[in-house]
Protein backbone atom coordinates (compact mmCIF):
# COMPACT_ATOMS: atom_id res chain seq x y z
CA MET A 1 4.55 -2.85 18.74
CA SER A 2 2.88 0.35 19.87
CA GLU A 3 -0.29 0.06 21.92
CA LEU A 4 -2.80 1.85 19.71
CA LYS A 5 -6.48 1.14 19.90
CA SER A 6 -7.81 -1.30 17.34
CA ASN A 7 -9.58 0.24 14.38
CA GLN A 8 -11.43 -2.28 12.25
CA ILE A 9 -11.96 -1.23 8.67
CA GLN A 10 -14.46 -3.08 6.53
CA VAL A 11 -13.29 -3.14 2.93
CA ARG A 12 -14.87 -4.67 -0.12
CA PHE A 13 -12.20 -6.94 -1.44
CA LYS A 14 -11.32 -10.48 -0.49
CA PRO A 15 -10.00 -12.60 1.09
CA ARG A 16 -10.16 -10.88 4.47
CA THR A 17 -10.85 -7.69 6.38
CA LEU A 18 -8.02 -5.23 6.91
CA ASN A 19 -7.20 -3.94 10.36
CA LEU A 20 -4.72 -1.10 10.13
CA GLU A 21 -3.82 -0.87 13.81
CA PRO A 22 -2.25 -3.19 16.41
CA LYS A 23 -2.36 -5.54 17.99
CA ASP A 24 -2.86 -7.54 14.82
CA ILE A 25 -2.37 -4.69 12.38
CA LEU A 26 -3.82 -6.35 9.31
CA ASN A 27 -5.65 -9.23 10.94
CA ILE A 28 -3.27 -11.68 9.28
CA SER A 29 -1.52 -13.18 12.30
CA HIS A 30 -3.13 -16.51 11.44
CA LEU A 31 -0.97 -16.59 8.32
CA PHE A 32 2.03 -17.08 10.61
CA ASP A 33 0.28 -19.43 12.98
CA GLY A 34 0.01 -22.80 11.30
CA GLU A 35 -2.20 -22.08 8.31
CA ILE A 36 0.18 -23.98 6.05
CA ILE A 37 -0.90 -27.48 5.18
CA GLU A 38 0.74 -30.44 3.50
CA ASP A 39 -0.60 -31.86 0.27
CA PRO A 40 -1.44 -35.42 1.36
CA LEU A 41 -3.62 -36.07 -1.68
CA LYS A 42 -0.74 -35.13 -4.00
CA ARG A 43 -3.01 -32.89 -6.02
CA HIS A 44 0.06 -31.35 -7.58
CA GLU A 45 3.23 -32.97 -8.77
CA PRO A 46 6.22 -32.25 -6.52
CA GLY A 47 8.39 -29.45 -7.78
CA THR A 48 5.73 -27.71 -9.85
CA THR A 49 4.44 -24.21 -9.32
CA PHE A 50 0.71 -23.97 -8.96
CA VAL A 51 -2.01 -21.52 -8.08
CA MET A 52 -5.33 -23.12 -7.24
CA ASN A 53 -8.66 -21.47 -7.93
CA HIS A 54 -9.46 -21.17 -4.26
CA GLY A 55 -6.24 -19.34 -3.55
CA ASP A 56 -3.72 -21.95 -2.43
CA ILE A 57 -0.15 -21.48 -3.61
CA GLY A 58 2.71 -23.89 -4.05
CA SER A 59 6.35 -23.40 -4.88
CA VAL A 60 9.18 -25.20 -6.65
CA LYS A 61 11.33 -24.64 -3.57
CA PHE A 62 8.68 -26.07 -1.24
CA PRO A 63 7.01 -28.82 -3.26
CA ASN A 64 5.16 -30.60 -0.44
CA ILE A 65 3.31 -27.67 1.09
CA MET A 66 0.73 -25.16 -0.01
CA PHE A 67 -0.48 -21.99 1.63
CA PRO A 68 -3.35 -19.49 1.21
CA ALA A 69 -2.60 -16.48 -0.93
CA PRO A 70 -3.01 -13.29 1.09
CA ASN A 71 -4.21 -10.15 -0.57
CA PRO A 72 -1.04 -8.27 -1.66
CA ILE A 73 -2.47 -5.06 -0.21
CA GLU A 74 -2.07 -6.62 3.22
CA PHE A 75 1.68 -6.89 2.71
CA TYR A 76 1.98 -3.33 1.38
CA LEU A 77 0.06 -1.90 4.32
CA PHE A 78 1.95 -4.08 6.77
CA SER A 79 5.27 -2.85 5.34
CA THR A 80 4.03 0.74 5.60
CA TYR A 81 3.14 0.35 9.25
CA LYS A 82 6.38 -1.46 10.14
CA SER A 83 8.31 1.42 8.56
CA LEU A 84 6.23 3.89 10.57
CA GLU A 85 7.15 2.06 13.78
CA GLU A 86 10.82 2.20 12.88
CA ILE A 87 10.56 5.90 11.99
CA ARG A 88 9.00 6.60 15.39
CA ARG A 89 11.84 4.80 17.13
CA LEU A 90 14.69 6.19 15.02
CA GLU A 91 13.50 9.81 15.17
CA VAL A 92 13.98 9.59 18.94
CA GLU A 93 17.22 7.60 18.93
CA ILE A 94 18.94 9.66 16.26
CA LYS A 95 19.18 12.65 18.60
CA ASN A 96 21.74 10.65 20.57
CA ASP A 97 23.18 8.62 17.71
CA VAL A 98 23.44 10.50 14.43
CA LYS A 99 25.01 7.47 12.77
CA LYS A 100 21.50 6.06 12.44
CA ILE A 101 20.48 8.75 9.94
CA ASN A 102 20.79 6.39 6.98
CA LEU A 103 18.62 3.81 8.73
CA LEU A 104 16.00 6.50 9.18
CA LEU A 105 16.20 7.53 5.54
CA LEU A 106 15.80 3.91 4.51
CA GLN A 107 12.57 3.63 6.49
CA ASN A 108 11.39 6.99 5.13
CA ILE A 109 11.89 5.69 1.60
CA ASN A 110 10.19 2.36 2.36
CA PHE A 111 7.22 4.15 3.90
CA CYS A 112 6.72 6.43 0.89
CA ILE A 113 6.93 3.57 -1.60
CA PHE A 114 4.72 1.07 0.21
CA SER A 115 2.10 3.56 1.42
CA ILE A 116 1.32 4.79 -2.09
CA THR A 117 1.63 1.26 -3.50
CA SER A 118 -0.94 0.06 -0.98
CA LEU A 119 -3.35 2.85 -1.87
CA GLU A 120 -3.01 2.46 -5.63
CA SER A 121 -3.27 -1.32 -5.53
CA PHE A 122 -6.35 -0.99 -3.31
CA ILE A 123 -7.97 1.35 -5.84
CA ASN A 124 -7.03 -0.89 -8.78
CA GLN A 125 -8.44 -3.93 -7.01
CA ILE A 126 -11.85 -2.49 -6.20
CA ILE A 127 -12.53 -1.19 -9.72
CA PRO A 128 -14.88 -3.75 -11.32
CA SER A 129 -13.32 -5.71 -14.18
CA ASP A 130 -16.06 -4.56 -16.59
CA PHE A 131 -15.82 -0.91 -15.58
CA ILE A 132 -15.85 1.64 -18.41
CA TYR A 133 -15.16 5.33 -17.90
CA ASN A 134 -16.86 7.53 -20.47
CA GLU A 135 -14.88 10.67 -21.24
CA LYS A 136 -16.23 12.80 -24.11
CA ASP A 137 -16.17 10.44 -27.10
CA LYS A 138 -13.83 7.89 -25.47
CA ARG A 139 -14.63 4.70 -23.60
CA ILE A 140 -11.78 3.88 -21.25
CA SER A 141 -11.45 0.35 -19.85
CA LYS A 142 -10.19 -0.73 -16.44
CA THR A 143 -7.06 -2.15 -18.08
CA GLU A 144 -6.15 1.24 -19.54
CA ILE A 145 -6.99 3.02 -16.29
CA GLU A 146 -4.80 0.67 -14.26
CA SER A 147 -1.83 0.91 -16.59
CA SER A 148 -1.77 4.56 -17.60
CA TRP A 149 -3.79 6.74 -15.23
CA SER A 150 -2.27 8.58 -12.29
CA ILE A 151 -3.48 7.89 -8.77
CA GLU A 152 -4.86 11.42 -8.75
CA ASN A 153 -7.11 10.73 -11.76
CA LYS A 154 -8.14 7.33 -10.45
CA ILE A 155 -9.36 8.96 -7.25
CA LYS A 156 -10.82 12.13 -8.77
CA LYS A 157 -12.56 10.44 -11.69
CA VAL A 158 -13.01 6.71 -11.17
CA ILE A 159 -13.62 6.58 -7.42
CA LYS A 160 -15.94 9.57 -7.63
CA ASN A 161 -17.78 7.86 -10.50
CA LEU A 162 -18.11 4.59 -8.58
CA THR A 163 -18.94 5.90 -5.12
CA GLY A 164 -19.99 9.52 -5.53
CA ILE A 165 -17.27 10.44 -3.03
CA ASN A 166 -15.00 13.37 -3.77
CA ILE A 167 -11.82 12.62 -1.81
CA ALA A 168 -10.19 15.81 -3.12
CA GLU A 169 -12.74 18.09 -1.46
CA ASP A 170 -10.88 17.78 1.85
CA TYR A 171 -8.11 20.22 0.95
CA GLU A 172 -5.71 19.41 3.78
CA ARG A 173 -5.97 15.65 3.25
CA TRP A 174 -5.65 16.00 -0.52
CA ILE A 175 -2.55 18.23 -0.32
CA GLY A 176 -0.98 15.78 2.13
CA LEU A 177 -1.64 12.91 -0.27
CA MET A 178 -0.22 14.83 -3.24
CA GLU A 179 2.94 15.62 -1.26
CA LEU A 180 3.36 11.95 -0.37
CA ILE A 181 2.79 10.87 -3.98
CA LYS A 182 5.37 13.44 -5.14
CA LEU A 183 7.89 12.03 -2.65
CA ARG A 184 7.24 8.50 -3.90
CA ASP A 185 7.53 9.58 -7.53
CA ASP A 186 10.80 11.41 -6.90
CA ILE A 187 12.21 8.31 -5.19
CA ILE A 188 11.15 5.95 -7.97
CA HIS A 189 12.08 8.28 -10.83
CA LEU A 190 15.20 9.70 -9.23
CA LYS A 191 16.87 12.29 -11.43
CA THR A 192 20.63 12.10 -11.82
CA ALA A 193 22.59 14.73 -9.92
CA GLN A 194 25.76 16.11 -11.42
CA PRO A 195 28.95 15.26 -9.46
CA SER A 196 29.43 18.91 -8.61
CA ASP A 197 25.80 19.57 -7.76
CA PHE A 198 23.94 17.34 -5.32
CA LYS A 199 21.16 19.78 -4.63
CA SER A 200 18.52 17.49 -6.09
CA TYR A 201 19.53 14.67 -3.73
CA GLN A 202 19.89 17.04 -0.81
CA ASN A 203 16.41 18.40 -1.36
CA LEU A 204 14.90 14.91 -1.57
CA TYR A 205 16.61 13.77 1.64
CA LYS A 206 15.48 16.92 3.43
CA ARG A 207 11.89 16.37 2.32
CA LEU A 208 12.08 12.74 3.45
CA LEU A 209 13.36 13.69 6.88
CA ASP A 210 10.89 16.55 7.34
CA ASN A 211 7.77 14.69 6.22
CA ASN A 212 5.14 14.06 8.89
CA TYR A 213 4.77 10.27 8.68
CA GLU A 214 2.10 10.03 11.36
CA LYS A 215 -0.05 12.37 9.28
CA SER A 216 0.81 10.54 6.04
CA TYR A 217 -0.23 7.22 7.55
CA GLU A 218 -3.51 8.70 8.78
CA ILE A 219 -4.21 10.08 5.30
CA ILE A 220 -3.69 6.68 3.64
CA LYS A 221 -5.80 4.99 6.30
CA GLU A 222 -8.58 7.56 6.05
CA ILE A 223 -8.82 7.37 2.25
CA ILE A 224 -8.97 3.57 2.30
CA THR A 225 -11.59 3.77 5.05
CA ILE A 226 -13.73 6.29 3.18
CA ILE A 227 -13.64 4.34 -0.07
CA GLY A 228 -13.90 0.90 1.52
CA THR A 229 -16.89 1.80 3.70
CA SER A 230 -18.78 3.58 0.94
CA SER A 231 -22.48 2.80 1.04
CA ASN A 232 -22.46 2.48 -2.74
CA LYS A 233 -21.68 -0.97 -4.02
CA ILE A 234 -18.38 -1.30 -5.82
């Protein structure tokens, strides 16, 4: 774990505050430190799957225990940061051991997927359930926004509507975000390369290797910070 200074970020969703830097990156170490309890009152029949209103989860595989449900964004951000740590390490080691190139590409891919997933899920989660976006003669619900709008439109239109903040006005940050989103999209929606022409794959791998992941991580962290610490109530 790298020794970066702690940077507490107050965000507006539950159940807990996110901390995007070590030593406890997401402030969830307690989840791995005994916060799993038995079900002595047998509130749920053994072997059944349950989700309680206050956030406890049970499992068919583990019928006699229950545990608090963490916010999924915590896992996405944690995965992003763990990939960043591996990228830092592998970018140094690969100079002496080129056989690790595929391990590096794997972490590059993981970073791109989980970083954008964390940002989009964060945006989806903070949009109020009764939110309506008025566009000309259309009234667009949160459900439609979540399912069919791009991250770009969610930030440019919905977040600006909710907070008054124009994330896109910082040109360098916005271009960096769009490049990261394009990488994620090209990974997820990978186009088939012809057997005799692997240029599309080659270009994607080159972009993955050349991306500045320190900068990408800072961009994701900054956008979450800006939105999450908005003085306007979301």
